[in-house]
Amino acid sequence: MDGIKYPVSADKSIRLLLKNKYTFNVESGFTSTEIKHWVELFFGVKIITMNSHRLPKKGKRKRMGPIMGQTTHYRRMIITLESGYYIPPFRTK
């Protein structure tokens, strides 16, 4: 489960919850098949489709004193579950 970083709670992702779609940021090095396997195994759900896209920038530029660096880059996954399945922290009634 190291590949899945955190769920996204933006306006669009909250609207997608009503359609049984969940949005997560994942590490960019993992494949969709690996992420699908982890989600099905860990949450015990059945996935219909998965869509992913890379965020526009490679990471925000940050300065720590004289050193300039970048934050890590993630990929965003939108996961559609079969009806009747849900991921517990996001359950909607």
Protein backbone atom coordinates (compact mmCIF):
# COMPACT_ATOMS: atom_id res chain seq x y z
CA MET A 1 0.00 0.00 0.00
CA ASP A 2 3.02 2.30 -0.22
CA GLY A 3 1.98 3.30 -3.73
CA ILE A 4 -1.25 5.00 -2.63
CA LYS A 5 -0.34 8.23 -0.88
CA TYR A 6 -3.63 9.86 0.15
CA PRO A 7 -7.21 10.46 -1.00
CA VAL A 8 -7.99 13.72 -2.76
CA SER A 9 -10.73 15.88 -1.24
CA ALA A 10 -11.23 18.54 -3.91
CA ASP A 11 -14.64 19.76 -5.12
CA LYS A 12 -14.66 17.50 -8.15
CA SER A 13 -13.63 14.40 -6.20
CA ILE A 14 -16.41 15.01 -3.66
CA ARG A 15 -18.95 15.22 -6.52
CA LEU A 16 -17.55 11.99 -7.97
CA LEU A 17 -18.25 10.16 -4.69
CA LEU A 18 -21.96 10.30 -5.56
CA LYS A 19 -21.16 8.28 -8.71
CA ASN A 20 -19.16 5.72 -6.67
CA LYS A 21 -15.84 7.08 -7.96
CA TYR A 22 -12.89 7.59 -5.61
CA THR A 23 -9.85 9.77 -6.23
CA PHE A 24 -6.36 9.04 -4.89
CA ASN A 25 -2.87 10.41 -5.41
CA VAL A 26 -0.42 7.58 -6.05
CA GLU A 27 3.31 7.30 -6.67
CA SER A 28 4.11 7.87 -10.33
CA GLY A 29 6.35 4.79 -10.55
CA PHE A 30 3.59 2.20 -10.03
CA THR A 31 1.44 0.76 -12.81
CA SER A 32 -2.35 0.83 -12.92
CA THR A 33 -2.46 -2.96 -12.57
CA GLU A 34 -0.48 -2.84 -9.32
CA ILE A 35 -2.68 -0.09 -7.89
CA LYS A 36 -5.83 -2.01 -8.89
CA HIS A 37 -4.57 -5.17 -7.20
CA TRP A 38 -3.67 -3.29 -3.98
CA VAL A 39 -7.02 -1.49 -3.77
CA GLU A 40 -9.03 -4.68 -4.38
CA LEU A 41 -6.95 -6.63 -1.86
CA PHE A 42 -6.74 -3.99 0.88
CA PHE A 43 -10.32 -2.61 0.77
CA GLY A 44 -12.06 -5.78 -0.47
CA VAL A 45 -13.87 -4.03 -3.34
CA LYS A 46 -14.48 -4.78 -7.02
CA ILE A 47 -13.13 -2.19 -9.49
CA ILE A 48 -14.85 -1.53 -12.82
CA THR A 49 -12.51 1.08 -14.32
CA MET A 50 -9.48 3.13 -13.43
CA ASN A 51 -8.46 6.42 -15.01
CA SER A 52 -5.21 8.19 -14.30
CA HIS A 53 -3.45 11.37 -15.24
CA ARG A 54 -0.25 13.08 -14.27
CA LEU A 55 -0.51 16.42 -12.61
CA PRO A 56 0.74 19.33 -14.76
CA LYS A 57 4.00 20.14 -12.97
CA LYS A 58 6.69 17.80 -11.73
CA GLY A 59 6.40 19.32 -8.27
CA LYS A 60 6.35 22.67 -6.61
CA ARG A 61 9.66 24.44 -6.24
CA LYS A 62 10.69 24.93 -2.63
CA ARG A 63 13.63 26.78 -1.14
CA MET A 64 15.36 25.70 2.06
CA GLY A 65 17.90 28.45 2.66
CA PRO A 66 20.34 28.56 -0.25
CA ILE A 67 19.22 25.18 -1.62
CA MET A 68 16.47 25.01 -4.22
CA GLY A 69 14.51 21.77 -4.54
CA GLN A 70 11.20 20.29 -5.68
CA THR A 71 8.43 18.42 -3.93
CA THR A 72 7.62 14.89 -5.02
CA HIS A 73 5.42 14.25 -8.06
CA TYR A 74 2.29 12.14 -7.92
CA ARG A 75 -0.20 10.66 -10.36
CA ARG A 76 -3.94 10.98 -9.76
CA MET A 77 -6.16 7.88 -10.06
CA ILE A 78 -9.95 7.96 -10.36
CA ILE A 79 -11.29 4.53 -9.41
CA THR A 80 -14.85 3.45 -10.25
CA LEU A 81 -16.30 0.70 -8.07
CA GLU A 82 -19.16 -1.68 -8.79
CA SER A 83 -22.50 -0.74 -7.25
CA GLY A 84 -22.85 -2.06 -3.73
CA TYR A 85 -19.13 -1.64 -2.94
CA TYR A 86 -17.63 1.32 -1.11
CA ILE A 87 -14.42 2.32 0.61
CA PRO A 88 -15.24 2.71 4.34
CA PRO A 89 -13.77 6.17 5.17
CA PHE A 90 -15.71 7.69 2.25
CA ARG A 91 -19.09 6.04 2.70
CA THR A 92 -21.97 8.26 1.56
CA LYS A 93 -25.63 7.64 2.29
